[in-house]
Protein backbone atom coordinates (compact mmCIF):
# COMPACT_ATOMS: atom_id res chain seq x y z
CA UNK A 1 0.00 0.00 0.00
CA UNK A 2 1.37 3.37 -0.98
CA UNK A 3 -1.07 5.62 0.90
CA UNK A 4 -4.19 5.26 3.05
CA UNK A 5 -6.32 8.35 3.67
CA UNK A 6 -9.10 8.80 6.23
CA UNK A 7 -11.68 11.27 4.95
CA UNK A 8 -14.08 13.46 6.92
CA UNK A 9 -15.90 16.77 6.41
CA UNK A 10 -13.04 18.80 7.90
CA UNK A 11 -10.57 17.77 5.18
CA UNK A 12 -12.85 17.37 2.15
CA UNK A 13 -12.64 20.20 -0.36
CA UNK A 14 -15.82 19.40 -2.29
CA UNK A 15 -18.20 16.47 -2.64
CA UNK A 16 -21.36 15.89 -4.63
CA UNK A 17 -22.35 12.88 -2.53
CA UNK A 18 -21.45 10.88 0.52
CA UNK A 19 -17.80 11.05 1.52
CA UNK A 20 -15.77 7.87 1.37
CA UNK A 21 -14.64 6.46 4.69
CA UNK A 22 -11.14 5.69 3.42
CA UNK A 23 -9.14 5.99 0.22
CA UNK A 24 -6.34 3.53 -0.50
CA UNK A 25 -3.62 4.07 -3.09
CA UNK A 26 -1.94 0.82 -4.05
CA UNK A 27 0.90 0.26 -6.48
CA UNK A 28 1.86 -2.94 -8.28
CA UNK A 29 5.13 -3.65 -10.07
CA UNK A 30 3.31 -4.78 -13.21
CA UNK A 31 -0.10 -5.61 -14.62
CA UNK A 32 0.76 -9.27 -14.07
CA UNK A 33 1.39 -8.55 -10.37
CA UNK A 34 -2.04 -6.94 -10.12
CA UNK A 35 -3.68 -9.90 -11.88
CA UNK A 36 -1.89 -12.27 -9.53
CA UNK A 37 -3.13 -10.28 -6.52
CA UNK A 38 -6.68 -10.22 -7.90
CA UNK A 39 -6.81 -13.99 -8.32
CA UNK A 40 -4.81 -14.99 -5.24
CA UNK A 41 -6.56 -17.97 -3.61
CA UNK A 42 -5.71 -16.88 -0.06
CA UNK A 43 -7.14 -13.39 -0.70
CA UNK A 44 -10.26 -14.85 -2.31
CA UNK A 45 -10.98 -16.92 0.83
CA UNK A 46 -11.75 -13.64 2.62
CA UNK A 47 -13.26 -11.63 -0.23
CA UNK A 48 -16.72 -12.07 1.30
CA UNK A 49 -15.59 -9.93 4.26
CA UNK A 50 -14.59 -7.11 1.91
CA UNK A 51 -17.87 -7.40 0.02
CA UNK A 52 -19.82 -7.17 3.30
CA UNK A 53 -17.94 -4.13 4.59
CA UNK A 54 -17.23 -2.06 1.46
CA UNK A 55 -20.20 -0.33 -0.14
CA UNK A 56 -18.34 0.62 -3.31
CA UNK A 57 -14.89 0.74 -4.82
CA UNK A 58 -13.27 2.38 -7.78
CA UNK A 59 -10.13 1.08 -9.45
CA UNK A 60 -8.10 3.47 -11.58
CA UNK A 61 -5.25 2.23 -13.72
CA UNK A 62 -2.48 4.75 -14.05
CA UNK A 63 1.00 4.62 -15.52
CA UNK A 64 4.10 6.40 -14.28
CA UNK A 65 5.40 9.02 -16.67
C-alpha atoms as a PDB file:
ATOM      1  CA  UNK A   1       0.000   0.000   0.000  1.00  0.00           C
ATOM      2  CA  UNK A   2       1.367   3.370  -0.977  1.00  0.00           C
ATOM      3  CA  UNK A   3      -1.067   5.620   0.898  1.00  0.00           C
ATOM      4  CA  UNK A   4      -4.194   5.259   3.046  1.00  0.00           C
ATOM      5  CA  UNK A   5      -6.323   8.351   3.674  1.00  0.00           C
ATOM      6  CA  UNK A   6      -9.096   8.799   6.232  1.00  0.00           C
ATOM      7  CA  UNK A   7     -11.685  11.272   4.946  1.00  0.00           C
ATOM      8  CA  UNK A   8     -14.083  13.462   6.919  1.00  0.00           C
ATOM      9  CA  UNK A   9     -15.901  16.766   6.412  1.00  0.00           C
ATOM     10  CA  UNK A  10     -13.044  18.802   7.899  1.00  0.00           C
ATOM     11  CA  UNK A  11     -10.567  17.767   5.180  1.00  0.00           C
ATOM     12  CA  UNK A  12     -12.849  17.369   2.150  1.00  0.00           C
ATOM     13  CA  UNK A  13     -12.643  20.204  -0.365  1.00  0.00           C
ATOM     14  CA  UNK A  14     -15.818  19.403  -2.285  1.00  0.00           C
ATOM     15  CA  UNK A  15     -18.196  16.475  -2.636  1.00  0.00           C
ATOM     16  CA  UNK A  16     -21.355  15.894  -4.629  1.00  0.00           C
ATOM     17  CA  UNK A  17     -22.346  12.880  -2.531  1.00  0.00           C
ATOM     18  CA  UNK A  18     -21.448  10.878   0.523  1.00  0.00           C
ATOM     19  CA  UNK A  19     -17.796  11.052   1.518  1.00  0.00           C
ATOM     20  CA  UNK A  20     -15.772   7.869   1.370  1.00  0.00           C
ATOM     21  CA  UNK A  21     -14.642   6.458   4.693  1.00  0.00           C
ATOM     22  CA  UNK A  22     -11.142   5.688   3.417  1.00  0.00           C
ATOM     23  CA  UNK A  23      -9.137   5.993   0.223  1.00  0.00           C
ATOM     24  CA  UNK A  24      -6.336   3.525  -0.498  1.00  0.00           C
ATOM     25  CA  UNK A  25      -3.624   4.074  -3.091  1.00  0.00           C
ATOM     26  CA  UNK A  26      -1.939   0.817  -4.049  1.00  0.00           C
ATOM     27  CA  UNK A  27       0.901   0.257  -6.485  1.00  0.00           C
ATOM     28  CA  UNK A  28       1.861  -2.944  -8.283  1.00  0.00           C
ATOM     29  CA  UNK A  29       5.131  -3.649 -10.073  1.00  0.00           C
ATOM     30  CA  UNK A  30       3.306  -4.775 -13.210  1.00  0.00           C
ATOM     31  CA  UNK A  31      -0.098  -5.610 -14.622  1.00  0.00           C
ATOM     32  CA  UNK A  32       0.760  -9.274 -14.071  1.00  0.00           C
ATOM     33  CA  UNK A  33       1.392  -8.549 -10.367  1.00  0.00           C
ATOM     34  CA  UNK A  34      -2.037  -6.942 -10.124  1.00  0.00           C
ATOM     35  CA  UNK A  35      -3.679  -9.896 -11.880  1.00  0.00           C
ATOM     36  CA  UNK A  36      -1.887 -12.272  -9.526  1.00  0.00           C
ATOM     37  CA  UNK A  37      -3.130 -10.281  -6.516  1.00  0.00           C
ATOM     38  CA  UNK A  38      -6.681 -10.222  -7.904  1.00  0.00           C
ATOM     39  CA  UNK A  39      -6.813 -13.988  -8.318  1.00  0.00           C
ATOM     40  CA  UNK A  40      -4.808 -14.991  -5.237  1.00  0.00           C
ATOM     41  CA  UNK A  41      -6.556 -17.966  -3.613  1.00  0.00           C
ATOM     42  CA  UNK A  42      -5.708 -16.876  -0.056  1.00  0.00           C
ATOM     43  CA  UNK A  43      -7.142 -13.385  -0.698  1.00  0.00           C
ATOM     44  CA  UNK A  44     -10.261 -14.848  -2.311  1.00  0.00           C
ATOM     45  CA  UNK A  45     -10.985 -16.923   0.833  1.00  0.00           C
ATOM     46  CA  UNK A  46     -11.753 -13.641   2.616  1.00  0.00           C
ATOM     47  CA  UNK A  47     -13.264 -11.627  -0.231  1.00  0.00           C
ATOM     48  CA  UNK A  48     -16.724 -12.069   1.299  1.00  0.00           C
ATOM     49  CA  UNK A  49     -15.587  -9.934   4.259  1.00  0.00           C
ATOM     50  CA  UNK A  50     -14.591  -7.111   1.908  1.00  0.00           C
ATOM     51  CA  UNK A  51     -17.865  -7.402   0.024  1.00  0.00           C
ATOM     52  CA  UNK A  52     -19.824  -7.174   3.297  1.00  0.00           C
ATOM     53  CA  UNK A  53     -17.938  -4.134   4.587  1.00  0.00           C
ATOM     54  CA  UNK A  54     -17.232  -2.065   1.457  1.00  0.00           C
ATOM     55  CA  UNK A  55     -20.203  -0.328  -0.139  1.00  0.00           C
ATOM     56  CA  UNK A  56     -18.339   0.618  -3.315  1.00  0.00           C
ATOM     57  CA  UNK A  57     -14.890   0.736  -4.817  1.00  0.00           C
ATOM     58  CA  UNK A  58     -13.272   2.382  -7.785  1.00  0.00           C
ATOM     59  CA  UNK A  59     -10.133   1.082  -9.450  1.00  0.00           C
ATOM     60  CA  UNK A  60      -8.102   3.468 -11.582  1.00  0.00           C
ATOM     61  CA  UNK A  61      -5.253   2.226 -13.716  1.00  0.00           C
ATOM     62  CA  UNK A  62      -2.476   4.751 -14.052  1.00  0.00           C
ATOM     63  CA  UNK A  63       1.002   4.622 -15.518  1.00  0.00           C
ATOM     64  CA  UNK A  64       4.096   6.399 -14.282  1.00  0.00           C
ATOM     65  CA  UNK A  65       5.398   9.020 -16.673  1.00  0.00           C
END
